[in-house]
């Protein structure tokens, strides 16, 4: 599978790969969506615009970013993330963050989705950044991007959830992190110290 910043996601056609997809025990419409997604054939707004359709490119769900295949993929994945145990507390918000990286590519992507105490979608965004040296570094940068984004909005109690155990542990560890990821970990700690209502946890 490959990703191009300008045209989205594509897959080199391999008959054996497709035959495995069709044999998966999933509803046919989901398998068809996956097939179309891998072939960059989902009618997202950027694709429709490239085909000559006059249309606004902003995402109708988040009103923040351009609706391309990568953006839709991250929003769907994060919206399907299970809600945490604190979600029933009024005034509490949860920000799910995740990073997608393929070593060798010039960039990687991050997805952020904010939900309220009922689990309802509030806002979300995707971010593309220059490639980093490891998955842990990408995940730590996603947490930092989430914290920085939250500071631009008026939310007091937010739990930032990541699936990167290494990043979350490093943020909560009192020890200095001397690896490349340390700069992101230190920045996350500073922001968490400055905003007592924010927390970072593993999902």
Protein backbone atom coordinates (compact mmCIF):
# COMPACT_ATOMS: atom_id res chain seq x y z
CA UNK A 1 0.00 0.00 0.00
CA UNK A 2 1.29 3.47 -0.78
CA UNK A 3 0.26 7.01 0.00
CA UNK A 4 0.79 10.18 -1.98
CA UNK A 5 0.04 13.57 -0.41
CA UNK A 6 -1.48 14.87 -3.65
CA UNK A 7 -3.68 11.97 -4.77
CA UNK A 8 -4.32 9.95 -1.61
CA UNK A 9 -4.02 6.23 -1.08
CA UNK A 10 -3.54 3.59 -3.74
CA UNK A 11 -2.68 -0.06 -3.95
CA UNK A 12 -0.71 -1.90 -6.57
CA UNK A 13 -3.11 -4.42 -8.08
CA UNK A 14 -2.38 -7.99 -7.01
CA UNK A 15 -5.00 -10.61 -7.79
CA UNK A 16 -4.06 -12.72 -4.75
CA UNK A 17 -4.48 -9.71 -2.45
CA UNK A 18 -7.92 -8.90 -3.81
CA UNK A 19 -9.08 -12.51 -3.55
CA UNK A 20 -8.17 -12.49 0.16
CA UNK A 21 -10.18 -9.30 0.65
CA UNK A 22 -13.32 -10.81 -0.90
CA UNK A 23 -13.01 -13.89 1.36
CA UNK A 24 -13.03 -11.87 4.61
CA UNK A 25 -16.14 -12.45 6.71
CA UNK A 26 -17.57 -8.93 6.46
CA UNK A 27 -20.71 -7.45 4.88
CA UNK A 28 -20.25 -7.01 1.14
CA UNK A 29 -20.71 -3.21 1.30
CA UNK A 30 -17.76 -2.93 3.74
CA UNK A 31 -15.53 -5.07 1.52
CA UNK A 32 -16.56 -2.97 -1.46
CA UNK A 33 -15.71 0.23 0.44
CA UNK A 34 -12.28 -1.16 1.40
CA UNK A 35 -11.63 -2.14 -2.21
CA UNK A 36 -12.61 1.33 -3.44
CA UNK A 37 -10.59 2.99 -0.67
CA UNK A 38 -7.42 1.07 -1.57
CA UNK A 39 -7.88 2.03 -5.22
CA UNK A 40 -8.38 5.73 -4.36
CA UNK A 41 -11.89 5.49 -5.75
CA UNK A 42 -14.03 6.95 -2.94
CA UNK A 43 -15.96 10.08 -4.03
CA UNK A 44 -14.45 12.47 -1.48
CA UNK A 45 -14.61 16.16 -2.30
CA UNK A 46 -11.02 16.50 -3.51
CA UNK A 47 -11.57 13.64 -5.97
CA UNK A 48 -14.86 15.08 -7.20
CA UNK A 49 -13.19 18.46 -7.69
CA UNK A 50 -10.37 16.83 -9.68
CA UNK A 51 -13.06 15.32 -11.94
CA UNK A 52 -14.49 18.78 -12.66
CA UNK A 53 -17.30 18.96 -10.09
CA UNK A 54 -17.64 22.49 -8.68
CA UNK A 55 -17.80 21.87 -4.94
CA UNK A 56 -16.48 23.29 -1.66
CA UNK A 57 -13.57 21.19 -0.40
CA UNK A 58 -14.07 21.63 3.36
CA UNK A 59 -15.15 18.61 5.42
CA UNK A 60 -18.84 18.91 6.49
CA UNK A 61 -18.14 16.98 9.72
CA UNK A 62 -15.33 19.07 11.19
CA UNK A 63 -15.49 22.28 9.09
CA UNK A 64 -11.74 22.46 9.64
CA UNK A 65 -9.84 20.58 6.96
CA UNK A 66 -10.11 19.61 3.30
CA UNK A 67 -12.12 16.43 2.72
CA UNK A 68 -9.65 14.06 1.08
CA UNK A 69 -9.29 10.31 1.44
CA UNK A 70 -6.77 10.54 4.27
CA UNK A 71 -8.98 12.95 6.24
CA UNK A 72 -12.07 10.74 5.89
CA UNK A 73 -10.11 7.64 6.88
CA UNK A 74 -8.82 9.22 10.10
CA UNK A 75 -12.19 10.68 11.08
CA UNK A 76 -13.95 7.35 10.55
CA UNK A 77 -11.30 5.43 12.47
CA UNK A 78 -11.29 7.82 15.42
CA UNK A 79 -15.07 8.21 15.55
CA UNK A 80 -15.35 4.43 15.87
CA UNK A 81 -12.87 4.45 18.77
CA UNK A 82 -14.71 3.20 21.91
CA UNK A 83 -15.70 5.86 24.43
CA UNK A 84 -13.83 6.01 27.74
CA UNK A 85 -15.25 5.48 31.22
CA UNK A 86 -15.23 9.21 32.08
CA UNK A 87 -17.41 10.10 29.13
CA UNK A 88 -20.60 10.27 31.22
CA UNK A 89 -19.31 13.23 33.29
CA UNK A 90 -20.90 16.49 32.12
CA UNK A 91 -18.26 18.99 31.01
CA UNK A 92 -15.73 16.27 30.25
CA UNK A 93 -14.26 15.86 26.76
CA UNK A 94 -12.08 13.22 25.16
CA UNK A 95 -9.61 13.81 22.37
CA UNK A 96 -8.55 10.70 20.47
CA UNK A 97 -5.23 11.07 18.66
CA UNK A 98 -3.45 8.72 16.30
CA UNK A 99 -0.61 8.75 13.80
CA UNK A 100 -0.14 6.82 10.56
CA UNK A 101 3.40 6.33 9.35
CA UNK A 102 5.12 4.45 6.56
CA UNK A 103 8.88 4.58 6.78
CA UNK A 104 10.40 5.80 3.56
CA UNK A 105 7.59 8.26 2.82
CA UNK A 106 8.46 11.99 3.05
CA UNK A 107 5.58 12.70 5.44
CA UNK A 108 3.18 11.12 7.92
CA UNK A 109 -0.36 11.93 9.01
CA UNK A 110 -2.13 12.49 12.32
CA UNK A 111 -5.81 12.42 13.15
CA UNK A 112 -7.54 14.21 16.06
CA UNK A 113 -11.20 13.77 17.07
CA UNK A 114 -12.82 15.58 20.01
CA UNK A 115 -16.00 14.16 21.62
CA UNK A 116 -18.15 15.38 24.48
CA UNK A 117 -19.36 13.58 27.63
CA UNK A 118 -22.05 11.74 25.63
CA UNK A 119 -19.52 10.49 23.09
CA UNK A 120 -20.93 12.81 20.41
CA UNK A 121 -18.56 14.23 17.80
CA UNK A 122 -17.54 17.85 18.48
CA UNK A 123 -14.74 18.55 16.02
CA UNK A 124 -11.77 16.90 14.37
CA UNK A 125 -8.86 17.48 12.07
CA UNK A 126 -6.03 15.76 10.23
CA UNK A 127 -2.45 17.01 10.07
CA UNK A 128 0.41 16.14 7.74
CA UNK A 129 3.99 16.63 8.94
CA UNK A 130 7.50 15.85 7.71
CA UNK A 131 8.55 12.26 8.36
CA UNK A 132 10.06 11.37 11.74
CA UNK A 133 12.42 8.55 12.65
CA UNK A 134 10.02 6.19 14.46
CA UNK A 135 6.38 5.33 15.12
CA UNK A 136 6.78 6.35 18.78
CA UNK A 137 8.01 9.77 17.72
CA UNK A 138 5.03 10.17 15.38
CA UNK A 139 2.58 9.13 18.11
CA UNK A 140 4.20 11.50 20.63
CA UNK A 141 3.98 14.33 18.12
CA UNK A 142 0.27 13.52 17.62
CA UNK A 143 -0.30 13.88 21.37
CA UNK A 144 1.57 17.20 21.36
CA UNK A 145 -0.43 18.44 18.37
CA UNK A 146 -3.60 17.50 20.24
CA UNK A 147 -2.57 19.42 23.35
CA UNK A 148 -1.59 22.49 21.33
CA UNK A 149 -4.87 22.37 19.43
CA UNK A 150 -6.89 22.12 22.65
CA UNK A 151 -5.18 25.24 24.00
CA UNK A 152 -6.65 27.22 21.09
CA UNK A 153 -10.17 26.26 22.23
CA UNK A 154 -12.14 26.81 25.42
CA UNK A 155 -12.16 23.38 27.07
CA UNK A 156 -11.15 22.85 30.69
CA UNK A 157 -11.38 19.08 31.22
CA UNK A 158 -10.06 16.89 28.44
CA UNK A 159 -8.46 13.46 28.41
CA UNK A 160 -6.18 12.90 25.42
CA UNK A 161 -6.23 9.22 24.46
CA UNK A 162 -3.55 7.51 22.42
CA UNK A 163 -2.95 3.88 21.51
CA UNK A 164 0.81 4.39 21.93
CA UNK A 165 1.71 2.83 25.28
CA UNK A 166 5.36 3.87 24.92
CA UNK A 167 4.47 7.54 24.37
CA UNK A 168 1.96 7.70 27.24
CA UNK A 169 4.36 5.96 29.65
CA UNK A 170 7.18 8.31 28.65
CA UNK A 171 4.99 11.36 29.31
CA UNK A 172 4.09 10.08 32.80
CA UNK A 173 7.62 8.95 33.64
CA UNK A 174 9.69 11.29 35.84
CA UNK A 175 12.85 10.31 33.97
CA UNK A 176 14.40 12.42 31.23
CA UNK A 177 13.91 10.97 27.77
CA UNK A 178 17.16 11.25 25.82
CA UNK A 179 15.89 9.78 22.55
CA UNK A 180 14.73 11.87 19.55
CA UNK A 181 11.17 11.62 20.88
CA UNK A 182 12.26 13.39 24.09
CA UNK A 183 11.62 16.89 22.70
CA UNK A 184 7.94 16.01 22.10
CA UNK A 185 7.62 14.26 25.46
CA UNK A 186 9.07 17.27 27.31
CA UNK A 187 6.75 19.65 25.45
CA UNK A 188 3.75 17.48 26.36
CA UNK A 189 4.75 17.50 30.03
CA UNK A 190 5.07 21.29 30.06
CA UNK A 191 1.62 21.75 28.54
CA UNK A 192 0.06 19.24 30.94
CA UNK A 193 1.64 21.04 33.90
CA UNK A 194 0.25 24.34 32.64
CA UNK A 195 -3.27 22.99 32.09
CA UNK A 196 -4.34 20.96 35.15
CA UNK A 197 -7.62 19.86 33.57
CA UNK A 198 -5.85 18.02 30.77
CA UNK A 199 -4.64 14.42 31.03
CA UNK A 200 -3.09 11.83 28.74
CA UNK A 201 -4.03 8.16 28.87
CA UNK A 202 -3.82 4.94 26.91
CA UNK A 203 -6.98 3.81 25.18
